[in-house]
Amino acid sequence: MEKFESMQAFALSWALVFLFTVFVAAVIWAFWPSNKRGQDEAARSIFRNEDRPASDARGS
């Protein structure tokens, strides 16, 4: 039982450090200035093939 408790303590402490590091890396990557062009393109991609506004489907 002692081995289980030591493995559990290791997993709880170092897994937290690992996941926090992955989170910080993802946030830094998302806000890195060189990624702005790709993110702006992705944001505009849903409007790429629109040439007029959507019609009002409510029938008013």
C-alpha atoms as a PDB file:
ATOM      1  CA  MET A   1       0.000   0.000   0.000  1.00  0.00           C
ATOM      2  CA  GLU A   2       2.949   2.285   0.590  1.00  0.00           C
ATOM      3  CA  LYS A   3       3.972   2.043  -3.065  1.00  0.00           C
ATOM      4  CA  PHE A   4       0.482   3.092  -4.186  1.00  0.00           C
ATOM      5  CA  GLU A   5       0.495   6.121  -1.893  1.00  0.00           C
ATOM      6  CA  SER A   6       3.923   7.227  -3.069  1.00  0.00           C
ATOM      7  CA  MET A   7       2.908   6.827  -6.734  1.00  0.00           C
ATOM      8  CA  GLN A   8      -0.297   8.732  -6.058  1.00  0.00           C
ATOM      9  CA  ALA A   9       1.599  11.586  -4.422  1.00  0.00           C
ATOM     10  CA  PHE A  10       4.023  11.684  -7.344  1.00  0.00           C
ATOM     11  CA  ALA A  11       1.186  11.733  -9.871  1.00  0.00           C
ATOM     12  CA  LEU A  12      -0.715  14.443  -8.042  1.00  0.00           C
ATOM     13  CA  SER A  13       2.263  16.746  -7.701  1.00  0.00           C
ATOM     14  CA  TRP A  14       4.166  16.263 -10.969  1.00  0.00           C
ATOM     15  CA  ALA A  15       1.085  15.819 -13.131  1.00  0.00           C
ATOM     16  CA  LEU A  16      -0.086  19.207 -11.909  1.00  0.00           C
ATOM     17  CA  VAL A  17       3.257  20.756 -12.825  1.00  0.00           C
ATOM     18  CA  PHE A  18       3.213  19.066 -16.241  1.00  0.00           C
ATOM     19  CA  LEU A  19      -0.349  20.116 -17.080  1.00  0.00           C
ATOM     20  CA  PHE A  20       0.275  23.672 -15.901  1.00  0.00           C
ATOM     21  CA  THR A  21       3.367  23.825 -18.128  1.00  0.00           C
ATOM     22  CA  VAL A  22       1.355  22.580 -21.106  1.00  0.00           C
ATOM     23  CA  PHE A  23      -1.321  25.203 -20.403  1.00  0.00           C
ATOM     24  CA  VAL A  24       1.222  28.034 -20.204  1.00  0.00           C
ATOM     25  CA  ALA A  25       2.881  26.853 -23.432  1.00  0.00           C
ATOM     26  CA  ALA A  26      -0.492  26.789 -25.224  1.00  0.00           C
ATOM     27  CA  VAL A  27      -1.345  30.301 -24.061  1.00  0.00           C
ATOM     28  CA  ILE A  28       2.064  31.623 -25.111  1.00  0.00           C
ATOM     29  CA  TRP A  29       1.719  29.937 -28.508  1.00  0.00           C
ATOM     30  CA  ALA A  30      -1.781  31.368 -29.012  1.00  0.00           C
ATOM     31  CA  PHE A  31      -0.673  34.936 -28.292  1.00  0.00           C
ATOM     32  CA  TRP A  32       2.721  34.743 -30.055  1.00  0.00           C
ATOM     33  CA  PRO A  33       2.917  37.667 -32.516  1.00  0.00           C
ATOM     34  CA  SER A  34       3.992  35.546 -35.500  1.00  0.00           C
ATOM     35  CA  ASN A  35       0.774  33.469 -35.230  1.00  0.00           C
ATOM     36  CA  LYS A  36      -1.472  36.522 -35.696  1.00  0.00           C
ATOM     37  CA  ARG A  37      -1.728  36.171 -39.483  1.00  0.00           C
ATOM     38  CA  GLY A  38      -2.985  32.585 -39.314  1.00  0.00           C
ATOM     39  CA  GLN A  39      -5.435  33.376 -36.541  1.00  0.00           C
ATOM     40  CA  ASP A  40      -6.820  36.376 -38.431  1.00  0.00           C
ATOM     41  CA  GLU A  41      -7.240  34.219 -41.531  1.00  0.00           C
ATOM     42  CA  ALA A  42      -9.076  31.567 -39.501  1.00  0.00           C
ATOM     43  CA  ALA A  43     -11.347  34.222 -37.997  1.00  0.00           C
ATOM     44  CA  ARG A  44     -12.289  35.548 -41.445  1.00  0.00           C
ATOM     45  CA  SER A  45     -12.637  32.128 -43.095  1.00  0.00           C
ATOM     46  CA  ILE A  46     -16.325  31.781 -42.234  1.00  0.00           C
ATOM     47  CA  PHE A  47     -17.041  34.913 -44.291  1.00  0.00           C
ATOM     48  CA  ARG A  48     -14.844  33.932 -47.256  1.00  0.00           C
ATOM     49  CA  ASN A  49     -17.627  32.909 -49.679  1.00  0.00           C
ATOM     50  CA  GLU A  50     -20.238  35.462 -48.695  1.00  0.00           C
ATOM     51  CA  ASP A  51     -21.108  38.118 -51.217  1.00  0.00           C
ATOM     52  CA  ARG A  52     -24.341  39.345 -49.645  1.00  0.00           C
ATOM     53  CA  PRO A  53     -25.998  39.379 -46.203  1.00  0.00           C
ATOM     54  CA  ALA A  54     -28.115  36.433 -45.124  1.00  0.00           C
ATOM     55  CA  SER A  55     -31.845  36.732 -45.760  1.00  0.00           C
ATOM     56  CA  ASP A  56     -34.269  37.130 -42.886  1.00  0.00           C
ATOM     57  CA  ALA A  57     -35.758  33.660 -42.361  1.00  0.00           C
ATOM     58  CA  ARG A  58     -38.440  34.828 -39.929  1.00  0.00           C
ATOM     59  CA  GLY A  59     -40.820  35.784 -42.743  1.00  0.00           C
ATOM     60  CA  SER A  60     -41.377  39.364 -41.574  1.00  0.00           C
END
